[in-house]
Amino acid sequence: MGKLIPLLLIVIGAGAGVGAGFFLRPEPEIVEEESEIAPAPVLPDGDALTTYEFANQFMVPLIAEDRITSVIVIKVALEISEAQREIVAANTARLRDALLQVMFDHANVGGFTGVFTDHSTLTHLRRSLLEAAQKTVGPEIVFGVLITDLLRSGS
């Protein structure tokens, strides 16, 4: 009987702890997201919205203590007007340069560390990429940026 009392106290204490944790857990926060649905672009009659995918993915090194610790591989597509495909194709090198610079800046401020696939983090990255693309070829040509693949390799 003397050995049974401590065991009984342990079971009661564990049950009370689990019950208290269950009933006293905080309510989940309800985050009201801003409506980020952009209005549909106004295209001339007979024109359609299409995507322009870059032939190669973008590779962004993550650097810590003057060493490359891992690499982010991103595949990006642009939402463009079908009639403007030739302009985008002719400016592919300039677009890649501008988008890559945005990705380097994003990496340098820690955008690819931790939970880098978080909705708000990727929304900020898409917005920055869209601004760079529109500054390069014009806002009437590029309407959106799609991140089609995202991978972090390394530790």
C-alpha atoms as a PDB file:
ATOM      1  CA  MET A   1       0.000   0.000   0.000  1.00  0.00           C
ATOM      2  CA  GLY A   2       2.899   2.359   0.770  1.00  0.00           C
ATOM      3  CA  LYS A   3       4.270   2.011  -2.782  1.00  0.00           C
ATOM      4  CA  LEU A   4       0.867   2.538  -4.346  1.00  0.00           C
ATOM      5  CA  ILE A   5       0.295   6.036  -2.941  1.00  0.00           C
ATOM      6  CA  PRO A   6       3.233   7.736  -4.805  1.00  0.00           C
ATOM      7  CA  LEU A   7       2.185   6.036  -8.036  1.00  0.00           C
ATOM      8  CA  LEU A   8      -1.395   7.207  -7.517  1.00  0.00           C
ATOM      9  CA  LEU A   9      -0.189  10.773  -6.860  1.00  0.00           C
ATOM     10  CA  ILE A  10       1.877  10.738 -10.071  1.00  0.00           C
ATOM     11  CA  VAL A  11      -1.101   9.585 -12.141  1.00  0.00           C
ATOM     12  CA  ILE A  12      -3.424  12.178 -10.558  1.00  0.00           C
ATOM     13  CA  GLY A  13      -0.821  14.938 -11.045  1.00  0.00           C
ATOM     14  CA  ALA A  14      -0.266  14.027 -14.694  1.00  0.00           C
ATOM     15  CA  GLY A  15      -4.007  13.906 -15.327  1.00  0.00           C
ATOM     16  CA  ALA A  16      -4.496  17.285 -13.650  1.00  0.00           C
ATOM     17  CA  GLY A  17      -1.657  18.775 -15.734  1.00  0.00           C
ATOM     18  CA  VAL A  18      -3.068  17.468 -19.002  1.00  0.00           C
ATOM     19  CA  GLY A  19      -6.561  18.656 -18.073  1.00  0.00           C
ATOM     20  CA  ALA A  20      -5.326  22.109 -17.071  1.00  0.00           C
ATOM     21  CA  GLY A  21      -3.328  22.393 -20.295  1.00  0.00           C
ATOM     22  CA  PHE A  22      -6.345  21.391 -22.357  1.00  0.00           C
ATOM     23  CA  PHE A  23      -8.764  23.808 -20.721  1.00  0.00           C
ATOM     24  CA  LEU A  24      -6.339  26.735 -20.326  1.00  0.00           C
ATOM     25  CA  ARG A  25      -4.831  26.672 -23.802  1.00  0.00           C
ATOM     26  CA  PRO A  26      -5.016  30.058 -25.572  1.00  0.00           C
ATOM     27  CA  GLU A  27      -7.642  30.669 -28.196  1.00  0.00           C
ATOM     28  CA  PRO A  28      -6.215  30.553 -31.712  1.00  0.00           C
ATOM     29  CA  GLU A  29      -5.678  33.989 -33.154  1.00  0.00           C
ATOM     30  CA  ILE A  30      -7.929  34.823 -36.039  1.00  0.00           C
ATOM     31  CA  VAL A  31      -5.866  36.757 -38.528  1.00  0.00           C
ATOM     32  CA  GLU A  32      -7.896  38.834 -40.888  1.00  0.00           C
ATOM     33  CA  GLU A  33      -5.919  38.938 -44.080  1.00  0.00           C
ATOM     34  CA  GLU A  34      -6.038  41.915 -46.331  1.00  0.00           C
ATOM     35  CA  SER A  35      -7.775  41.289 -49.572  1.00  0.00           C
ATOM     36  CA  GLU A  36      -4.861  41.018 -51.966  1.00  0.00           C
ATOM     37  CA  ILE A  37      -6.881  40.023 -54.979  1.00  0.00           C
ATOM     38  CA  ALA A  38      -5.810  42.454 -57.613  1.00  0.00           C
ATOM     39  CA  PRO A  39      -8.387  43.663 -60.065  1.00  0.00           C
ATOM     40  CA  ALA A  40      -8.231  41.916 -63.406  1.00  0.00           C
ATOM     41  CA  PRO A  41      -6.055  43.841 -65.848  1.00  0.00           C
ATOM     42  CA  VAL A  42      -7.804  45.702 -68.616  1.00  0.00           C
ATOM     43  CA  LEU A  43      -6.594  44.175 -71.854  1.00  0.00           C
ATOM     44  CA  PRO A  44      -7.387  45.359 -75.378  1.00  0.00           C
ATOM     45  CA  ASP A  45     -10.073  43.432 -77.250  1.00  0.00           C
ATOM     46  CA  GLY A  46      -8.771  40.181 -78.677  1.00  0.00           C
ATOM     47  CA  ASP A  47      -5.832  40.080 -76.248  1.00  0.00           C
ATOM     48  CA  ALA A  48      -5.435  37.438 -73.538  1.00  0.00           C
ATOM     49  CA  LEU A  49      -3.525  37.134 -70.291  1.00  0.00           C
ATOM     50  CA  THR A  50      -0.828  34.458 -70.460  1.00  0.00           C
ATOM     51  CA  THR A  51       2.306  33.432 -68.577  1.00  0.00           C
ATOM     52  CA  TYR A  52       5.925  33.799 -69.587  1.00  0.00           C
ATOM     53  CA  GLU A  53       8.166  31.244 -67.907  1.00  0.00           C
ATOM     54  CA  PHE A  54      11.888  31.816 -67.730  1.00  0.00           C
ATOM     55  CA  ALA A  55      13.876  29.002 -69.305  1.00  0.00           C
ATOM     56  CA  ASN A  56      16.134  28.583 -66.264  1.00  0.00           C
ATOM     57  CA  GLN A  57      15.430  28.844 -62.575  1.00  0.00           C
ATOM     58  CA  PHE A  58      17.014  31.457 -60.342  1.00  0.00           C
ATOM     59  CA  MET A  59      19.670  30.383 -57.838  1.00  0.00           C
ATOM     60  CA  VAL A  60      20.198  32.538 -54.751  1.00  0.00           C
ATOM     61  CA  PRO A  61      23.035  31.671 -52.336  1.00  0.00           C
ATOM     62  CA  LEU A  62      22.413  32.123 -48.614  1.00  0.00           C
ATOM     63  CA  ILE A  63      25.524  33.415 -46.913  1.00  0.00           C
ATOM     64  CA  ALA A  64      26.384  33.239 -43.216  1.00  0.00           C
ATOM     65  CA  GLU A  65      29.755  34.138 -41.742  1.00  0.00           C
ATOM     66  CA  ASP A  66      31.229  34.759 -45.215  1.00  0.00           C
ATOM     67  CA  ARG A  67      30.329  31.239 -46.392  1.00  0.00           C
ATOM     68  CA  ILE A  68      27.550  29.892 -48.593  1.00  0.00           C
ATOM     69  CA  THR A  69      25.417  27.809 -46.243  1.00  0.00           C
ATOM     70  CA  SER A  70      22.648  26.832 -48.657  1.00  0.00           C
ATOM     71  CA  VAL A  71      21.114  27.756 -51.988  1.00  0.00           C
ATOM     72  CA  ILE A  72      17.558  28.784 -52.813  1.00  0.00           C
ATOM     73  CA  VAL A  73      16.318  27.623 -56.222  1.00  0.00           C
ATOM     74  CA  ILE A  74      13.295  29.560 -57.516  1.00  0.00           C
ATOM     75  CA  LYS A  75      11.362  29.163 -60.734  1.00  0.00           C
ATOM     76  CA  VAL A  76       9.367  32.248 -61.682  1.00  0.00           C
ATOM     77  CA  ALA A  77       6.734  33.000 -64.311  1.00  0.00           C
ATOM     78  CA  LEU A  78       5.308  36.387 -65.278  1.00  0.00           C
ATOM     79  CA  GLU A  79       1.670  37.110 -66.071  1.00  0.00           C
ATOM     80  CA  ILE A  80       1.781  39.130 -69.261  1.00  0.00           C
ATOM     81  CA  SER A  81      -0.374  40.229 -72.138  1.00  0.00           C
ATOM     82  CA  GLU A  82      -0.183  37.778 -75.034  1.00  0.00           C
ATOM     83  CA  ALA A  83       0.473  40.653 -77.439  1.00  0.00           C
ATOM     84  CA  GLN A  84       3.533  41.735 -75.432  1.00  0.00           C
ATOM     85  CA  ARG A  85       5.303  38.355 -75.434  1.00  0.00           C
ATOM     86  CA  GLU A  86       7.950  39.525 -77.925  1.00  0.00           C
ATOM     87  CA  ILE A  87       8.846  42.540 -75.773  1.00  0.00           C
ATOM     88  CA  VAL A  88       9.244  40.329 -72.701  1.00  0.00           C
ATOM     89  CA  ALA A  89      11.331  37.796 -74.645  1.00  0.00           C
ATOM     90  CA  ALA A  90      13.574  40.565 -75.973  1.00  0.00           C
ATOM     91  CA  ASN A  91      14.132  41.864 -72.429  1.00  0.00           C
ATOM     92  CA  THR A  92      14.667  38.504 -70.733  1.00  0.00           C
ATOM     93  CA  ALA A  93      18.240  39.294 -69.685  1.00  0.00           C
ATOM     94  CA  ARG A  94      17.238  42.649 -68.169  1.00  0.00           C
ATOM     95  CA  LEU A  95      14.281  41.038 -66.399  1.00  0.00           C
ATOM     96  CA  ARG A  96      16.414  38.211 -64.991  1.00  0.00           C
ATOM     97  CA  ASP A  97      18.936  40.753 -63.707  1.00  0.00           C
ATOM     98  CA  ALA A  98      16.268  42.880 -62.001  1.00  0.00           C
ATOM     99  CA  LEU A  99      14.474  39.876 -60.475  1.00  0.00           C
ATOM    100  CA  LEU A 100      17.706  38.292 -59.304  1.00  0.00           C
ATOM    101  CA  GLN A 101      18.739  41.531 -57.597  1.00  0.00           C
ATOM    102  CA  VAL A 102      15.420  41.578 -55.727  1.00  0.00           C
ATOM    103  CA  MET A 103      15.981  37.958 -54.656  1.00  0.00           C
ATOM    104  CA  PHE A 104      19.521  38.759 -53.460  1.00  0.00           C
ATOM    105  CA  ASP A 105      18.190  41.687 -51.439  1.00  0.00           C
ATOM    106  CA  HIS A 106      15.437  39.468 -50.010  1.00  0.00           C
ATOM    107  CA  ALA A 107      18.051  36.876 -49.002  1.00  0.00           C
ATOM    108  CA  ASN A 108      20.331  39.509 -47.445  1.00  0.00           C
ATOM    109  CA  VAL A 109      17.603  40.748 -45.099  1.00  0.00           C
ATOM    110  CA  GLY A 110      16.825  37.177 -43.980  1.00  0.00           C
ATOM    111  CA  GLY A 111      13.776  36.559 -46.137  1.00  0.00           C
ATOM    112  CA  PHE A 112      14.819  32.976 -46.873  1.00  0.00           C
ATOM    113  CA  THR A 113      15.588  31.963 -43.290  1.00  0.00           C
ATOM    114  CA  GLY A 114      13.204  30.286 -40.908  1.00  0.00           C
ATOM    115  CA  VAL A 115       9.730  29.681 -42.302  1.00  0.00           C
ATOM    116  CA  PHE A 116      10.460  31.319 -45.641  1.00  0.00           C
ATOM    117  CA  THR A 117       7.349  29.829 -47.252  1.00  0.00           C
ATOM    118  CA  ASP A 118       5.037  31.835 -44.996  1.00  0.00           C
ATOM    119  CA  HIS A 119       2.208  33.580 -46.854  1.00  0.00           C
ATOM    120  CA  SER A 120       3.232  37.099 -45.847  1.00  0.00           C
ATOM    121  CA  THR A 121       6.895  36.493 -46.700  1.00  0.00           C
ATOM    122  CA  LEU A 122       6.086  35.180 -50.169  1.00  0.00           C
ATOM    123  CA  THR A 123       3.547  37.969 -50.732  1.00  0.00           C
ATOM    124  CA  HIS A 124       6.237  40.540 -49.955  1.00  0.00           C
ATOM    125  CA  LEU A 125       8.663  38.777 -52.322  1.00  0.00           C
ATOM    126  CA  ARG A 126       6.058  38.600 -55.127  1.00  0.00           C
ATOM    127  CA  ARG A 127       5.226  42.277 -54.703  1.00  0.00           C
ATOM    128  CA  SER A 128       8.906  43.238 -54.870  1.00  0.00           C
ATOM    129  CA  LEU A 129       9.443  41.052 -57.943  1.00  0.00           C
ATOM    130  CA  LEU A 130       6.392  42.578 -59.645  1.00  0.00           C
ATOM    131  CA  GLU A 131       7.650  46.113 -58.984  1.00  0.00           C
ATOM    132  CA  ALA A 132      11.056  45.238 -60.442  1.00  0.00           C
ATOM    133  CA  ALA A 133       9.520  43.595 -63.529  1.00  0.00           C
ATOM    134  CA  GLN A 134       7.158  46.515 -64.130  1.00  0.00           C
ATOM    135  CA  LYS A 135      10.008  48.982 -63.718  1.00  0.00           C
ATOM    136  CA  THR A 136      12.045  47.023 -66.289  1.00  0.00           C
ATOM    137  CA  VAL A 137       9.481  46.527 -69.067  1.00  0.00           C
ATOM    138  CA  GLY A 138       6.469  48.588 -68.003  1.00  0.00           C
ATOM    139  CA  PRO A 139       3.320  48.195 -65.894  1.00  0.00           C
ATOM    140  CA  GLU A 140       1.144  47.710 -68.984  1.00  0.00           C
ATOM    141  CA  ILE A 141       3.129  44.579 -69.891  1.00  0.00           C
ATOM    142  CA  VAL A 142       3.606  42.635 -66.615  1.00  0.00           C
ATOM    143  CA  PHE A 143       0.539  42.110 -64.421  1.00  0.00           C
ATOM    144  CA  GLY A 144       1.722  39.530 -61.905  1.00  0.00           C
ATOM    145  CA  VAL A 145       4.528  37.272 -60.711  1.00  0.00           C
ATOM    146  CA  LEU A 146       4.049  33.568 -60.052  1.00  0.00           C
ATOM    147  CA  ILE A 147       6.510  31.545 -57.986  1.00  0.00           C
ATOM    148  CA  THR A 148       6.117  28.111 -59.530  1.00  0.00           C
ATOM    149  CA  ASP A 149       8.909  26.243 -57.704  1.00  0.00           C
ATOM    150  CA  LEU A 150      10.805  27.050 -54.522  1.00  0.00           C
ATOM    151  CA  LEU A 151      13.508  24.884 -52.983  1.00  0.00           C
ATOM    152  CA  ARG A 152      16.193  25.413 -50.352  1.00  0.00           C
ATOM    153  CA  SER A 153      19.086  22.979 -50.646  1.00  0.00           C
ATOM    154  CA  GLY A 154      21.767  22.638 -48.037  1.00  0.00           C
ATOM    155  CA  SER A 155      21.548  23.014 -44.283  1.00  0.00           C
END
